[in-house]
Amino acid sequence: MTVSDPIADMLTRIRNAVMARHDFVLVPASRMKLSV
């Protein structure tokens, strides 16, 4: 599956993990995401 907006996808994953009270979330890394 190709993600059209990787930053929005990362933020959505983090938000969903927080709402589900997970201790961590796995997000595919990229230079752009690391700079955010």
C-alpha atoms as a PDB file:
ATOM      1  CA  MET A   1       0.000   0.000   0.000  1.00  0.00           C
ATOM      2  CA  THR A   2       1.376   3.390  -0.981  1.00  0.00           C
ATOM      3  CA  VAL A   3       0.841   6.217   1.460  1.00  0.00           C
ATOM      4  CA  SER A   4       0.116   9.508  -0.296  1.00  0.00           C
ATOM      5  CA  ASP A   5       0.837  11.665   2.772  1.00  0.00           C
ATOM      6  CA  PRO A   6       3.457  10.043   5.026  1.00  0.00           C
ATOM      7  CA  ILE A   7       3.433  12.826   7.647  1.00  0.00           C
ATOM      8  CA  ALA A   8      -0.339  12.644   8.089  1.00  0.00           C
ATOM      9  CA  ASP A   9      -0.085   8.849   8.257  1.00  0.00           C
ATOM     10  CA  MET A  10       2.579   9.084  10.976  1.00  0.00           C
ATOM     11  CA  LEU A  11       0.514  11.548  13.016  1.00  0.00           C
ATOM     12  CA  THR A  12      -2.601   9.384  12.648  1.00  0.00           C
ATOM     13  CA  ARG A  13      -0.700   6.313  13.835  1.00  0.00           C
ATOM     14  CA  ILE A  14       0.586   8.219  16.867  1.00  0.00           C
ATOM     15  CA  ARG A  15      -2.873   9.633  17.664  1.00  0.00           C
ATOM     16  CA  ASN A  16      -4.499   6.205  17.358  1.00  0.00           C
ATOM     17  CA  ALA A  17      -1.843   4.636  19.587  1.00  0.00           C
ATOM     18  CA  VAL A  18      -2.355   7.315  22.245  1.00  0.00           C
ATOM     19  CA  MET A  19      -6.137   6.882  22.148  1.00  0.00           C
ATOM     20  CA  ALA A  20      -5.733   3.094  22.480  1.00  0.00           C
ATOM     21  CA  ARG A  21      -3.254   3.621  25.362  1.00  0.00           C
ATOM     22  CA  HIS A  22      -0.424   1.763  23.657  1.00  0.00           C
ATOM     23  CA  ASP A  23       3.062   2.160  25.106  1.00  0.00           C
ATOM     24  CA  PHE A  24       4.691   2.586  21.693  1.00  0.00           C
ATOM     25  CA  VAL A  25       3.889   2.790  18.005  1.00  0.00           C
ATOM     26  CA  LEU A  26       5.877   1.530  15.030  1.00  0.00           C
ATOM     27  CA  VAL A  27       6.183   3.958  12.139  1.00  0.00           C
ATOM     28  CA  PRO A  28       8.332   3.364   9.044  1.00  0.00           C
ATOM     29  CA  ALA A  29      11.261   5.796   9.283  1.00  0.00           C
ATOM     30  CA  SER A  30      12.289   8.390   6.736  1.00  0.00           C
ATOM     31  CA  ARG A  31      14.525  11.441   6.824  1.00  0.00           C
ATOM     32  CA  MET A  32      11.511  13.720   6.501  1.00  0.00           C
ATOM     33  CA  LYS A  33       9.744  12.096   9.476  1.00  0.00           C
ATOM     34  CA  LEU A  34      12.894  12.267  11.586  1.00  0.00           C
ATOM     35  CA  SER A  35      13.160  16.000  10.916  1.00  0.00           C
ATOM     36  CA  VAL A  36       9.567  16.486  12.138  1.00  0.00           C
END
